[in-house]
Amino acid sequence: MSDRRTKRRFAHELYPQAEEWETRPLEVEVPCLYARALGFVPWGTGWFNAPVKESVAHTHHLIYNQEIALMADALLQGMTGQEAWKWVNDHMTDDGELVTERAMHYGVNPEQIKPYPCGPDPDHHDHMAEPDARGWRTVTRVEGPEDQCLDCTEPVTP
């Protein structure tokens, strides 16, 4: 399937990082930082089967990127000092739900973010149905990796 690629993209492909020594406006940087934090969420990776050293390093990247994104968000909102630090700590949660909500607030679509690899490539992936009237979605487990699924890939265009 080398003539196809996944529809989802890594965070840095959708939100390119600043050039070396470049300081971009927070309005540009905050969505980029949130996208990167979402990219380190372990769901959809081999994190659970990764060697401990690799899964721990990935988890450290997740926590670090969540904190940086939240701190930049607090600064963009005009907070400083202890107020900003408390806001960041209040928004750090184990499941990352508040980080996801804040990312969406800035227009980042979590469904477009492909997770950064960790551990062995998964032998399955999930398909999400459209939300029903309650907003709930059905998840269907699909055998085979995402990058080999016709529904999850698209032709490579030059």
C-alpha atoms as a PDB file:
ATOM      1  CA  MET A   1       0.000   0.000   0.000  1.00  0.00           C
ATOM      2  CA  SER A   2       2.893   2.343  -0.585  1.00  0.00           C
ATOM      3  CA  ASP A   3       0.709   4.459  -2.873  1.00  0.00           C
ATOM      4  CA  ARG A   4      -1.586   5.264   0.072  1.00  0.00           C
ATOM      5  CA  ARG A   5      -1.148   7.061   3.388  1.00  0.00           C
ATOM      6  CA  THR A   6      -3.275   7.457   6.489  1.00  0.00           C
ATOM      7  CA  LYS A   7      -5.846  10.238   6.463  1.00  0.00           C
ATOM      8  CA  ARG A   8      -4.779  11.256   9.950  1.00  0.00           C
ATOM      9  CA  ARG A   9      -1.505  13.145  10.247  1.00  0.00           C
ATOM     10  CA  PHE A  10       1.113  13.591  12.920  1.00  0.00           C
ATOM     11  CA  ALA A  11       0.698  16.836  14.859  1.00  0.00           C
ATOM     12  CA  HIS A  12       3.821  18.415  13.377  1.00  0.00           C
ATOM     13  CA  GLU A  13       2.480  17.783   9.848  1.00  0.00           C
ATOM     14  CA  LEU A  14      -0.774  19.619  10.573  1.00  0.00           C
ATOM     15  CA  TYR A  15       0.769  22.252  12.842  1.00  0.00           C
ATOM     16  CA  PRO A  16       4.408  22.826  11.833  1.00  0.00           C
ATOM     17  CA  GLN A  17       6.721  23.824  14.633  1.00  0.00           C
ATOM     18  CA  ALA A  18       8.429  27.190  14.751  1.00  0.00           C
ATOM     19  CA  GLU A  19      11.758  27.580  13.017  1.00  0.00           C
ATOM     20  CA  GLU A  20      14.859  27.547  15.161  1.00  0.00           C
ATOM     21  CA  TRP A  21      15.059  30.775  17.202  1.00  0.00           C
ATOM     22  CA  GLU A  22      11.614  31.868  15.952  1.00  0.00           C
ATOM     23  CA  THR A  23       9.164  33.199  18.515  1.00  0.00           C
ATOM     24  CA  ARG A  24       5.661  32.980  17.145  1.00  0.00           C
ATOM     25  CA  PRO A  25       2.552  34.647  18.543  1.00  0.00           C
ATOM     26  CA  LEU A  26       0.762  32.600  21.201  1.00  0.00           C
ATOM     27  CA  GLU A  27      -2.323  32.543  18.960  1.00  0.00           C
ATOM     28  CA  VAL A  28      -0.284  30.426  16.525  1.00  0.00           C
ATOM     29  CA  GLU A  29       1.704  28.450  19.077  1.00  0.00           C
ATOM     30  CA  VAL A  30      -1.115  27.311  21.411  1.00  0.00           C
ATOM     31  CA  PRO A  31      -2.975  25.149  18.838  1.00  0.00           C
ATOM     32  CA  CYS A  32       0.379  23.704  17.722  1.00  0.00           C
ATOM     33  CA  LEU A  33       1.284  22.806  21.301  1.00  0.00           C
ATOM     34  CA  TYR A  34      -2.107  21.235  21.977  1.00  0.00           C
ATOM     35  CA  ALA A  35      -1.883  19.181  18.769  1.00  0.00           C
ATOM     36  CA  ARG A  36       1.528  17.912  19.830  1.00  0.00           C
ATOM     37  CA  ALA A  37       0.205  16.986  23.282  1.00  0.00           C
ATOM     38  CA  LEU A  38      -2.633  15.051  21.653  1.00  0.00           C
ATOM     39  CA  GLY A  39      -0.095  13.258  19.485  1.00  0.00           C
ATOM     40  CA  PHE A  40       1.479  11.683  22.565  1.00  0.00           C
ATOM     41  CA  VAL A  41      -1.770  10.179  23.868  1.00  0.00           C
ATOM     42  CA  PRO A  42      -1.040   6.429  23.921  1.00  0.00           C
ATOM     43  CA  TRP A  43      -4.391   5.194  22.538  1.00  0.00           C
ATOM     44  CA  GLY A  44      -3.938   3.671  19.105  1.00  0.00           C
ATOM     45  CA  THR A  45      -0.281   2.838  19.692  1.00  0.00           C
ATOM     46  CA  GLY A  46       1.576  -0.181  21.009  1.00  0.00           C
ATOM     47  CA  TRP A  47       2.224   1.665  24.300  1.00  0.00           C
ATOM     48  CA  PHE A  48       0.695  -1.125  26.391  1.00  0.00           C
ATOM     49  CA  ASN A  49       3.070  -3.675  24.841  1.00  0.00           C
ATOM     50  CA  ALA A  50       6.118  -1.424  24.659  1.00  0.00           C
ATOM     51  CA  PRO A  51       9.245  -2.028  26.710  1.00  0.00           C
ATOM     52  CA  VAL A  52       8.945  -0.189  30.018  1.00  0.00           C
ATOM     53  CA  LYS A  53      11.723   2.290  29.185  1.00  0.00           C
ATOM     54  CA  GLU A  54       9.950   3.281  25.931  1.00  0.00           C
ATOM     55  CA  SER A  55       6.476   3.583  27.479  1.00  0.00           C
ATOM     56  CA  VAL A  56       7.836   5.649  30.380  1.00  0.00           C
ATOM     57  CA  ALA A  57       9.656   7.998  27.974  1.00  0.00           C
ATOM     58  CA  HIS A  58       6.478   8.356  25.896  1.00  0.00           C
ATOM     59  CA  THR A  59       4.468   9.121  29.050  1.00  0.00           C
ATOM     60  CA  HIS A  60       7.011  11.787  30.041  1.00  0.00           C
ATOM     61  CA  HIS A  61       6.622  13.386  26.604  1.00  0.00           C
ATOM     62  CA  LEU A  62       2.834  13.319  27.033  1.00  0.00           C
ATOM     63  CA  ILE A  63       2.911  15.009  30.447  1.00  0.00           C
ATOM     64  CA  TYR A  64       5.535  17.571  29.397  1.00  0.00           C
ATOM     65  CA  ASN A  65       3.648  18.518  26.232  1.00  0.00           C
ATOM     66  CA  GLN A  66       0.341  18.782  28.100  1.00  0.00           C
ATOM     67  CA  GLU A  67       1.889  21.095  30.700  1.00  0.00           C
ATOM     68  CA  ILE A  68       3.573  23.310  28.101  1.00  0.00           C
ATOM     69  CA  ALA A  69       0.354  23.579  26.060  1.00  0.00           C
ATOM     70  CA  LEU A  70      -1.672  24.466  29.139  1.00  0.00           C
ATOM     71  CA  MET A  71       0.912  27.038  30.287  1.00  0.00           C
ATOM     72  CA  ALA A  72       0.934  28.716  26.870  1.00  0.00           C
ATOM     73  CA  ASP A  73      -2.886  28.692  26.979  1.00  0.00           C
ATOM     74  CA  ALA A  74      -2.866  30.351  30.404  1.00  0.00           C
ATOM     75  CA  LEU A  75      -0.468  33.028  29.126  1.00  0.00           C
ATOM     76  CA  LEU A  76      -2.637  33.613  26.056  1.00  0.00           C
ATOM     77  CA  GLN A  77      -5.598  34.112  28.384  1.00  0.00           C
ATOM     78  CA  GLY A  78      -3.629  36.803  30.211  1.00  0.00           C
ATOM     79  CA  MET A  79      -2.779  34.850  33.372  1.00  0.00           C
ATOM     80  CA  THR A  80       0.588  35.204  35.042  1.00  0.00           C
ATOM     81  CA  GLY A  81       2.453  33.826  38.021  1.00  0.00           C
ATOM     82  CA  GLN A  82       0.651  31.693  40.580  1.00  0.00           C
ATOM     83  CA  GLU A  83      -2.713  32.143  38.841  1.00  0.00           C
ATOM     84  CA  ALA A  84      -1.350  30.591  35.645  1.00  0.00           C
ATOM     85  CA  TRP A  85       0.456  27.833  37.525  1.00  0.00           C
ATOM     86  CA  LYS A  86      -2.690  26.905  39.468  1.00  0.00           C
ATOM     87  CA  TRP A  87      -4.786  26.925  36.273  1.00  0.00           C
ATOM     88  CA  VAL A  88      -2.330  24.517  34.612  1.00  0.00           C
ATOM     89  CA  ASN A  89      -2.344  22.175  37.588  1.00  0.00           C
ATOM     90  CA  ASP A  90      -6.132  22.302  37.829  1.00  0.00           C
ATOM     91  CA  HIS A  91      -6.387  21.298  34.150  1.00  0.00           C
ATOM     92  CA  MET A  92      -3.901  18.403  34.273  1.00  0.00           C
ATOM     93  CA  THR A  93      -5.867  15.168  34.565  1.00  0.00           C
ATOM     94  CA  ASP A  94      -4.981  11.511  34.146  1.00  0.00           C
ATOM     95  CA  ASP A  95      -7.248  11.035  31.154  1.00  0.00           C
ATOM     96  CA  GLY A  96      -6.267  14.267  29.384  1.00  0.00           C
ATOM     97  CA  GLU A  97      -9.920  15.164  28.799  1.00  0.00           C
ATOM     98  CA  LEU A  98      -9.440  18.818  29.716  1.00  0.00           C
ATOM     99  CA  VAL A  99      -6.420  19.088  27.421  1.00  0.00           C
ATOM    100  CA  THR A 100      -8.556  17.686  24.607  1.00  0.00           C
ATOM    101  CA  GLU A 101     -11.336  20.190  25.385  1.00  0.00           C
ATOM    102  CA  ARG A 102      -8.882  23.096  25.366  1.00  0.00           C
ATOM    103  CA  ALA A 103      -7.354  21.881  22.090  1.00  0.00           C
ATOM    104  CA  MET A 104     -10.808  21.790  20.520  1.00  0.00           C
ATOM    105  CA  HIS A 105     -11.463  25.299  21.875  1.00  0.00           C
ATOM    106  CA  TYR A 106      -8.568  26.452  19.676  1.00  0.00           C
ATOM    107  CA  GLY A 107      -9.826  24.571  16.620  1.00  0.00           C
ATOM    108  CA  VAL A 108      -7.654  21.469  16.892  1.00  0.00           C
ATOM    109  CA  ASN A 109      -9.578  18.377  15.789  1.00  0.00           C
ATOM    110  CA  PRO A 110      -8.296  15.409  17.845  1.00  0.00           C
ATOM    111  CA  GLU A 111      -9.591  12.955  15.234  1.00  0.00           C
ATOM    112  CA  GLN A 112      -7.132  14.360  12.676  1.00  0.00           C
ATOM    113  CA  ILE A 113      -4.122  13.742  14.924  1.00  0.00           C
ATOM    114  CA  LYS A 114      -2.261  10.481  14.350  1.00  0.00           C
ATOM    115  CA  PRO A 115      -0.551   9.289  17.546  1.00  0.00           C
ATOM    116  CA  TYR A 116       3.223   9.255  17.684  1.00  0.00           C
ATOM    117  CA  PRO A 117       4.389   5.624  17.656  1.00  0.00           C
ATOM    118  CA  CYS A 118       5.280   3.832  20.840  1.00  0.00           C
ATOM    119  CA  GLY A 119       5.920   0.120  21.082  1.00  0.00           C
ATOM    120  CA  PRO A 120       5.026  -2.442  18.443  1.00  0.00           C
ATOM    121  CA  ASP A 121       2.629  -1.475  15.662  1.00  0.00           C
ATOM    122  CA  PRO A 122      -0.908  -2.422  16.732  1.00  0.00           C
ATOM    123  CA  ASP A 123      -2.519  -5.312  14.839  1.00  0.00           C
ATOM    124  CA  HIS A 124      -5.906  -3.582  14.986  1.00  0.00           C
ATOM    125  CA  HIS A 125      -7.452  -0.114  15.035  1.00  0.00           C
ATOM    126  CA  ASP A 126     -10.838   1.493  15.719  1.00  0.00           C
ATOM    127  CA  HIS A 127     -13.481   2.998  13.472  1.00  0.00           C
ATOM    128  CA  MET A 128     -15.823   5.558  15.042  1.00  0.00           C
ATOM    129  CA  ALA A 129     -19.412   5.927  13.833  1.00  0.00           C
ATOM    130  CA  GLU A 130     -21.019   9.352  13.515  1.00  0.00           C
ATOM    131  CA  PRO A 131     -22.578  10.624  16.774  1.00  0.00           C
ATOM    132  CA  ASP A 132     -26.173   9.601  17.433  1.00  0.00           C
ATOM    133  CA  ALA A 133     -28.863  11.968  18.759  1.00  0.00           C
ATOM    134  CA  ARG A 134     -27.301  11.796  22.249  1.00  0.00           C
ATOM    135  CA  GLY A 135     -23.825  12.537  20.886  1.00  0.00           C
ATOM    136  CA  TRP A 136     -22.629   8.984  21.578  1.00  0.00           C
ATOM    137  CA  ARG A 137     -20.489   7.171  19.043  1.00  0.00           C
ATOM    138  CA  THR A 138     -20.146   3.472  18.348  1.00  0.00           C
ATOM    139  CA  VAL A 139     -16.593   2.153  18.169  1.00  0.00           C
ATOM    140  CA  THR A 140     -15.838  -0.825  15.957  1.00  0.00           C
ATOM    141  CA  ARG A 141     -12.555  -2.688  16.310  1.00  0.00           C
ATOM    142  CA  VAL A 142     -11.019  -3.463  12.912  1.00  0.00           C
ATOM    143  CA  GLU A 143      -8.320  -6.088  12.487  1.00  0.00           C
ATOM    144  CA  GLY A 144      -5.162  -4.893  10.788  1.00  0.00           C
ATOM    145  CA  PRO A 145      -3.104  -1.710  11.127  1.00  0.00           C
ATOM    146  CA  GLU A 146      -4.605   1.665  10.272  1.00  0.00           C
ATOM    147  CA  ASP A 147      -2.094   2.280   7.499  1.00  0.00           C
ATOM    148  CA  GLN A 148      -3.336  -0.832   5.646  1.00  0.00           C
ATOM    149  CA  CYS A 149      -7.059  -0.027   5.888  1.00  0.00           C
ATOM    150  CA  LEU A 150      -8.742   1.298   2.743  1.00  0.00           C
ATOM    151  CA  ASP A 151     -11.214   3.304   4.868  1.00  0.00           C
ATOM    152  CA  CYS A 152      -8.431   4.973   6.867  1.00  0.00           C
ATOM    153  CA  THR A 153      -6.040   5.716   4.022  1.00  0.00           C
ATOM    154  CA  GLU A 154      -6.100   7.855   0.936  1.00  0.00           C
ATOM    155  CA  PRO A 155      -4.089   7.878  -2.280  1.00  0.00           C
ATOM    156  CA  VAL A 156      -0.782   9.698  -2.116  1.00  0.00           C
ATOM    157  CA  THR A 157      -0.943  12.770  -4.310  1.00  0.00           C
ATOM    158  CA  PRO A 158       2.276  14.275  -5.675  1.00  0.00           C
END
